[in-house]
Amino acid sequence: MNIKHNKEDVLKTGLGMFCNKGYNSLGIDEICKVTGMTKGAFYNAFQSKEQFLIEAILLYAKINVNRIKAQLQPRKKLSAYERLYQFYINMLEVQPKVNFMGCFINNIMSELGSANEKVGLAATKAFDEFIDAIEPAVKEAQQNKELNSKWKARQMTELFHATFYGSLTRAKSSKDHQQSIKTIKLLFNNLKTTK
């Protein structure tokens, strides 16, 4: 019997598996077993494990860009600086609850970014999409004189997110997010304008 699989559902399941095991430790047999796909259906839909990963990266980026935009949209009670600060602190505070899983894109960049050009490009594209989604809040904070405006908003956004990724990697490896939170707080405090 030929079963139709929802491609997005299969990719979401794959995302969870990649997050838990990484790319190199996850085989196609296991993907097929968990998703209920036959190998033939898997190869028909994705051609390879690499292509499956790339499509999972694109889906993860799409989901998270929407989440970032929703979390950073203007609110009456919180300034742009406060929204940005809470955005990063919240992502670190959740780590113990998710067993220090980290961020899928950060994990893939660390595991395969330099070893596989196609995966590296897909992960870089996802990272850039995250920067695009965060940058408007940084610009707003600079316009409101909450953040230093000596740097371009894009550079500052890159600094925030790259520091977050480094802090996240440290939290993941040490199973302790407190130092990572201190690092983000230090960064924000040093870029905040003094009034």
Protein backbone atom coordinates (compact mmCIF):
# COMPACT_ATOMS: atom_id res chain seq x y z
CA MET A 1 0.00 0.00 0.00
CA ASN A 2 1.30 3.44 -0.94
CA ILE A 3 0.92 5.90 1.98
CA LYS A 4 1.01 9.66 1.37
CA HIS A 5 3.10 11.57 3.90
CA ASN A 6 2.76 15.24 4.72
CA LYS A 7 6.20 16.58 3.80
CA GLU A 8 6.14 19.37 6.40
CA ASP A 9 5.17 16.94 9.18
CA VAL A 10 8.01 14.61 8.15
CA LEU A 11 10.44 17.55 8.16
CA LYS A 12 9.25 18.67 11.61
CA THR A 13 9.83 15.15 12.92
CA GLY A 14 13.26 15.18 11.28
CA LEU A 15 14.07 18.50 12.94
CA GLY A 16 13.49 16.94 16.35
CA MET A 17 15.65 13.99 15.44
CA PHE A 18 18.49 16.17 14.14
CA CYS A 19 18.28 18.30 17.29
CA ASN A 20 18.55 15.24 19.51
CA LYS A 21 21.15 13.24 17.61
CA GLY A 22 22.92 15.57 15.19
CA TYR A 23 23.40 14.86 11.50
CA ASN A 24 26.17 12.29 11.55
CA SER A 25 24.56 10.11 14.23
CA LEU A 26 21.21 9.90 12.47
CA GLY A 27 20.66 7.35 9.73
CA ILE A 28 18.03 7.17 7.02
CA ASP A 29 16.76 3.86 8.46
CA GLU A 30 15.98 5.59 11.74
CA ILE A 31 14.37 8.57 9.97
CA CYS A 32 12.15 6.19 7.99
CA LYS A 33 11.25 4.15 11.07
CA VAL A 34 10.21 7.21 13.10
CA THR A 35 8.40 9.00 10.25
CA GLY A 36 6.75 5.84 8.91
CA MET A 37 8.21 6.39 5.44
CA THR A 38 9.66 3.63 3.32
CA LYS A 39 13.15 4.22 1.98
CA GLY A 40 11.69 4.54 -1.49
CA ALA A 41 9.24 7.22 -0.34
CA PHE A 42 12.03 9.02 1.52
CA TYR A 43 14.32 9.10 -1.53
CA ASN A 44 11.42 10.07 -3.79
CA ALA A 45 10.58 13.04 -1.53
CA PHE A 46 14.10 14.16 -0.56
CA GLN A 47 16.69 12.43 -2.81
CA SER A 48 19.23 12.23 0.06
CA LYS A 49 19.76 12.74 3.78
CA GLU A 50 21.66 15.93 2.94
CA GLN A 51 18.66 17.32 1.00
CA PHE A 52 16.35 16.29 3.86
CA LEU A 53 18.56 18.29 6.24
CA ILE A 54 18.62 21.32 3.93
CA GLU A 55 14.82 21.32 3.67
CA ALA A 56 14.58 20.93 7.46
CA ILE A 57 16.89 23.97 7.84
CA LEU A 58 14.66 26.03 5.53
CA LEU A 59 11.53 25.02 7.46
CA TYR A 60 13.19 25.78 10.81
CA ALA A 61 14.22 29.21 9.51
CA LYS A 62 10.69 29.98 8.32
CA ILE A 63 9.13 28.95 11.65
CA ASN A 64 11.68 30.88 13.69
CA VAL A 65 11.62 34.05 11.61
CA ASN A 66 7.87 34.22 12.32
CA ARG A 67 8.52 33.60 16.04
CA ILE A 68 11.26 36.25 16.18
CA LYS A 69 9.07 38.85 14.47
CA ALA A 70 6.19 38.11 16.84
CA GLN A 71 8.40 38.34 19.93
CA LEU A 72 10.12 41.55 18.85
CA GLN A 73 7.13 43.44 17.50
CA PRO A 74 6.50 46.80 19.19
CA ARG A 75 4.56 46.69 22.45
CA LYS A 76 3.36 49.56 24.56
CA LYS A 77 4.86 48.27 27.81
CA LEU A 78 8.33 47.32 26.54
CA SER A 79 10.89 49.44 24.74
CA ALA A 80 12.85 48.01 21.80
CA TYR A 81 15.89 47.57 24.05
CA GLU A 82 13.80 45.67 26.64
CA ARG A 83 12.25 43.43 23.95
CA LEU A 84 15.68 42.56 22.55
CA TYR A 85 17.16 41.94 25.98
CA GLN A 86 14.24 39.68 27.03
CA PHE A 87 14.35 37.86 23.70
CA TYR A 88 17.93 36.67 24.28
CA ILE A 89 17.62 36.08 28.02
CA ASN A 90 14.45 34.00 27.54
CA MET A 91 16.15 31.78 24.95
CA LEU A 92 18.95 31.05 27.42
CA GLU A 93 16.64 30.57 30.40
CA VAL A 94 14.67 27.90 28.56
CA GLN A 95 17.77 25.74 27.96
CA PRO A 96 17.56 23.64 31.17
CA LYS A 97 13.91 22.84 30.31
CA VAL A 98 14.91 21.51 26.88
CA ASN A 99 17.95 19.61 28.19
CA PHE A 100 20.36 22.20 26.76
CA MET A 101 19.39 21.30 23.19
CA GLY A 102 20.66 24.64 21.91
CA CYS A 103 19.55 26.03 18.56
CA PHE A 104 19.18 23.77 15.56
CA ILE A 105 20.94 26.21 13.20
CA ASN A 106 23.78 26.81 15.66
CA ASN A 107 24.18 23.06 16.15
CA ILE A 108 24.24 22.35 12.41
CA MET A 109 26.68 25.22 11.77
CA SER A 110 28.97 23.74 14.42
CA GLU A 111 28.66 20.16 13.16
CA LEU A 112 28.67 20.62 9.39
CA GLY A 113 29.07 24.29 8.49
CA SER A 114 32.63 24.00 7.22
CA ALA A 115 32.49 20.34 6.15
CA ASN A 116 29.50 20.49 3.80
CA GLU A 117 29.20 23.50 1.51
CA LYS A 118 25.48 23.08 0.70
CA VAL A 119 24.51 22.65 4.35
CA GLY A 120 26.81 25.53 5.34
CA LEU A 121 25.12 27.80 2.80
CA ALA A 122 21.62 26.80 3.96
CA ALA A 123 22.54 27.39 7.62
CA THR A 124 24.13 30.75 6.76
CA LYS A 125 20.99 31.75 4.85
CA ALA A 126 18.89 30.85 7.91
CA PHE A 127 21.20 32.85 10.19
CA ASP A 128 20.91 35.85 7.85
CA GLU A 129 17.12 35.56 7.90
CA PHE A 130 17.25 35.67 11.71
CA ILE A 131 19.41 38.81 11.51
CA ASP A 132 16.91 40.35 9.07
CA ALA A 133 14.09 39.66 11.55
CA ILE A 134 15.98 41.06 14.58
CA GLU A 135 17.54 44.14 12.95
CA PRO A 136 14.37 46.32 12.95
CA ALA A 137 14.22 46.14 16.78
CA VAL A 138 17.91 47.12 16.97
CA LYS A 139 17.26 50.07 14.63
CA GLU A 140 14.30 51.11 16.78
CA ALA A 141 16.41 50.91 19.95
CA GLN A 142 19.09 53.05 18.28
CA GLN A 143 16.54 55.60 17.07
CA ASN A 144 15.12 55.77 20.61
CA LYS A 145 18.67 56.32 21.90
CA GLU A 146 18.55 53.13 23.97
CA LEU A 147 21.45 51.48 22.11
CA ASN A 148 24.73 52.94 20.95
CA SER A 149 24.39 54.24 17.39
CA LYS A 150 28.11 54.36 16.56
CA TRP A 151 27.68 51.04 14.76
CA LYS A 152 25.29 50.26 11.95
CA ALA A 153 22.23 48.35 13.12
CA ARG A 154 23.20 45.34 10.99
CA GLN A 155 26.64 45.12 12.65
CA MET A 156 25.12 45.38 16.11
CA THR A 157 22.51 42.73 15.29
CA GLU A 158 25.28 40.41 14.07
CA LEU A 159 27.17 41.04 17.31
CA PHE A 160 24.12 40.25 19.45
CA HIS A 161 23.26 37.06 17.61
CA ALA A 162 26.81 35.76 17.18
CA THR A 163 27.46 36.36 20.89
CA PHE A 164 24.21 34.58 21.69
CA TYR A 165 25.28 31.58 19.56
CA GLY A 166 28.63 31.42 21.32
CA SER A 167 26.94 31.71 24.71
CA LEU A 168 24.44 29.04 23.72
CA THR A 169 27.23 26.67 22.68
CA ARG A 170 28.94 27.25 26.04
CA ALA A 171 25.69 26.61 27.93
CA LYS A 172 25.07 23.45 25.92
CA SER A 173 28.53 22.01 26.55
CA SER A 174 28.66 22.95 30.25
CA LYS A 175 24.96 22.23 30.97
CA ASP A 176 24.93 25.59 32.77
CA HIS A 177 23.24 28.64 31.30
CA GLN A 178 24.06 31.13 34.08
CA GLN A 179 27.42 32.26 32.67
CA SER A 180 25.84 32.62 29.25
CA ILE A 181 23.15 34.88 30.71
CA LYS A 182 25.87 36.96 32.38
CA THR A 183 27.63 37.31 29.02
CA ILE A 184 24.47 38.55 27.27
CA LYS A 185 23.73 40.96 30.14
CA LEU A 186 27.28 42.31 29.93
CA LEU A 187 26.98 42.82 26.18
CA PHE A 188 23.65 44.63 26.47
CA ASN A 189 24.82 46.78 29.37
CA ASN A 190 27.93 47.86 27.45
CA LEU A 191 25.98 48.76 24.31
CA LYS A 192 23.20 50.58 26.15
CA THR A 193 23.39 54.34 25.95
CA THR A 194 23.78 56.14 29.24
CA LYS A 195 21.23 58.83 29.87
